[in-house]
Amino acid sequence: MMMMMMMMMMMMMMMMMMMMMMMIEKIFSFIE
């Protein structure tokens, strides 16, 4: 059970990071 929770948390963090990167990229492209 604990392992599953940890995995889920890790996945969520990865997704958030990816989203942030995408947003930053979009903003930068917009500025340029």
PDB file of N, CA and C in Angstrom:
ATOM      1  N   MET A   1       0.867  -1.199   0.000  1.00  0.00           N
ATOM      2  CA  MET A   1       0.000   0.000   0.000  1.00  0.00           C
ATOM      3  C   MET A   1       0.907   1.255   0.000  1.00  0.00           C
ATOM      4  N   MET A   2       1.850   1.288   0.886  1.00  0.00           N
ATOM      5  CA  MET A   2       2.703   2.487   0.963  1.00  0.00           C
ATOM      6  C   MET A   2       3.424   2.706  -0.370  1.00  0.00           C
ATOM      7  N   MET A   3       3.902   1.634  -0.942  1.00  0.00           N
ATOM      8  CA  MET A   3       4.626   1.759  -2.217  1.00  0.00           C
ATOM      9  C   MET A   3       3.717   2.377  -3.276  1.00  0.00           C
ATOM     10  N   MET A   4       2.493   1.929  -3.308  1.00  0.00           N
ATOM     11  CA  MET A   4       1.546   2.444  -4.304  1.00  0.00           C
ATOM     12  C   MET A   4       1.372   3.963  -4.117  1.00  0.00           C
ATOM     13  N   MET A   5       1.203   4.364  -2.891  1.00  0.00           N
ATOM     14  CA  MET A   5       1.017   5.791  -2.591  1.00  0.00           C
ATOM     15  C   MET A   5       2.253   6.577  -3.064  1.00  0.00           C
ATOM     16  N   MET A   6       3.411   6.051  -2.771  1.00  0.00           N
ATOM     17  CA  MET A   6       4.656   6.734  -3.158  1.00  0.00           C
ATOM     18  C   MET A   6       4.718   6.851  -4.682  1.00  0.00           C
ATOM     19  N   MET A   7       4.377   5.772  -5.352  1.00  0.00           N
ATOM     20  CA  MET A   7       4.406   5.773  -6.827  1.00  0.00           C
ATOM     21  C   MET A   7       3.444   6.830  -7.364  1.00  0.00           C
ATOM     22  N   MET A   8       2.273   6.872  -6.804  1.00  0.00           N
ATOM     23  CA  MET A   8       1.259   7.836  -7.258  1.00  0.00           C
ATOM     24  C   MET A   8       1.790   9.265  -7.061  1.00  0.00           C
ATOM     25  N   MET A   9       2.375   9.506  -5.901  1.00  0.00           N
ATOM     26  CA  MET A   9       2.906  10.844  -5.610  1.00  0.00           C
ATOM     27  C   MET A   9       3.988  11.202  -6.633  1.00  0.00           C
ATOM     28  N   MET A  10       4.854  10.256  -6.912  1.00  0.00           N
ATOM     29  CA  MET A  10       5.943  10.504  -7.856  1.00  0.00           C
ATOM     30  C   MET A  10       5.362  10.835  -9.239  1.00  0.00           C
ATOM     31  N   MET A  11       4.387  10.075  -9.646  1.00  0.00           N
ATOM     32  CA  MET A  11       3.766  10.288 -10.956  1.00  0.00           C
ATOM     33  C   MET A  11       3.145  11.697 -11.013  1.00  0.00           C
ATOM     34  N   MET A  12       2.444  12.054  -9.967  1.00  0.00           N
ATOM     35  CA  MET A  12       1.795  13.368  -9.917  1.00  0.00           C
ATOM     36  C   MET A  12       2.869  14.468 -10.028  1.00  0.00           C
ATOM     37  N   MET A  13       3.945  14.305  -9.296  1.00  0.00           N
ATOM     38  CA  MET A  13       5.019  15.301  -9.311  1.00  0.00           C
ATOM     39  C   MET A  13       5.581  15.421 -10.729  1.00  0.00           C
ATOM     40  N   MET A  14       5.795  14.278 -11.371  1.00  0.00           N
ATOM     41  CA  MET A  14       6.345  14.281 -12.732  1.00  0.00           C
ATOM     42  C   MET A  14       5.394  15.031 -13.666  1.00  0.00           C
ATOM     43  N   MET A  15       4.129  14.742 -13.539  1.00  0.00           N
ATOM     44  CA  MET A  15       3.133  15.383 -14.405  1.00  0.00           C
ATOM     45  C   MET A  15       3.166  16.907 -14.187  1.00  0.00           C
ATOM     46  N   MET A  16       3.206  17.307 -12.935  1.00  0.00           N
ATOM     47  CA  MET A  16       3.229  18.734 -12.606  1.00  0.00           C
ATOM     48  C   MET A  16       4.469  19.387 -13.232  1.00  0.00           C
ATOM     49  N   MET A  17       5.601  18.720 -13.095  1.00  0.00           N
ATOM     50  CA  MET A  17       6.847  19.266 -13.637  1.00  0.00           C
ATOM     51  C   MET A  17       6.720  19.438 -15.151  1.00  0.00           C
ATOM     52  N   MET A  18       6.180  18.422 -15.803  1.00  0.00           N
ATOM     53  CA  MET A  18       6.017  18.469 -17.256  1.00  0.00           C
ATOM     54  C   MET A  18       5.116  19.656 -17.636  1.00  0.00           C
ATOM     55  N   MET A  19       4.027  19.788 -16.928  1.00  0.00           N
ATOM     56  CA  MET A  19       3.089  20.881 -17.224  1.00  0.00           C
ATOM     57  C   MET A  19       3.792  22.235 -17.063  1.00  0.00           C
ATOM     58  N   MET A  20       4.535  22.364 -15.982  1.00  0.00           N
ATOM     59  CA  MET A  20       5.246  23.625 -15.725  1.00  0.00           C
ATOM     60  C   MET A  20       6.207  23.917 -16.875  1.00  0.00           C
ATOM     61  N   MET A  21       6.940  22.888 -17.302  1.00  0.00           N
ATOM     62  CA  MET A  21       7.908  23.073 -18.383  1.00  0.00           C
ATOM     63  C   MET A  21       7.185  23.537 -19.647  1.00  0.00           C
ATOM     64  N   MET A  22       6.086  22.899 -19.944  1.00  0.00           N
ATOM     65  CA  MET A  22       5.324  23.254 -21.148  1.00  0.00           C
ATOM     66  C   MET A  22       4.871  24.722 -21.064  1.00  0.00           C
ATOM     67  N   MET A  23       4.340  25.097 -19.912  1.00  0.00           N
ATOM     68  CA  MET A  23       3.859  26.471 -19.732  1.00  0.00           C
ATOM     69  C   MET A  23       5.018  27.457 -19.923  1.00  0.00           C
ATOM     70  N   ILE A  24       6.145  27.168 -19.299  1.00  0.00           N
ATOM     71  CA  ILE A  24       7.320  28.058 -19.419  1.00  0.00           C
ATOM     72  C   ILE A  24       7.720  28.180 -20.888  1.00  0.00           C
ATOM     73  N   GLU A  25       7.753  27.051 -21.561  1.00  0.00           N
ATOM     74  CA  GLU A  25       8.137  27.066 -22.984  1.00  0.00           C
ATOM     75  C   GLU A  25       7.179  27.947 -23.777  1.00  0.00           C
ATOM     76  N   LYS A  26       5.901  27.794 -23.519  1.00  0.00           N
ATOM     77  CA  LYS A  26       4.881  28.580 -24.240  1.00  0.00           C
ATOM     78  C   LYS A  26       5.091  30.067 -23.966  1.00  0.00           C
ATOM     79  N   ILE A  27       5.290  30.396 -22.703  1.00  0.00           N
ATOM     80  CA  ILE A  27       5.483  31.810 -22.336  1.00  0.00           C
ATOM     81  C   ILE A  27       6.709  32.367 -23.056  1.00  0.00           C
ATOM     82  N   PHE A  28       7.798  31.612 -23.029  1.00  0.00           N
ATOM     83  CA  PHE A  28       9.031  32.087 -23.669  1.00  0.00           C
ATOM     84  C   PHE A  28       8.802  32.312 -25.158  1.00  0.00           C
ATOM     85  N   SER A  29       8.162  31.362 -25.780  1.00  0.00           N
ATOM     86  CA  SER A  29       7.906  31.483 -27.223  1.00  0.00           C
ATOM     87  C   SER A  29       7.031  32.719 -27.481  1.00  0.00           C
ATOM     88  N   PHE A  30       6.101  32.968 -26.593  1.00  0.00           N
ATOM     89  CA  PHE A  30       5.211  34.124 -26.741  1.00  0.00           C
ATOM     90  C   PHE A  30       6.026  35.423 -26.648  1.00  0.00           C
ATOM     91  N   ILE A  31       6.939  35.461 -25.675  1.00  0.00           N
ATOM     92  CA  ILE A  31       7.782  36.661 -25.488  1.00  0.00           C
ATOM     93  C   ILE A  31       8.613  36.905 -26.746  1.00  0.00           C
ATOM     94  N   GLU A  32       9.199  35.848 -27.258  1.00  0.00           N
ATOM     95  CA  GLU A  32      10.034  35.986 -28.465  1.00  0.00           C
ATOM     96  C   GLU A  32       9.146  36.429 -29.630  1.00  0.00           C
TER      97      GLU A  32
END
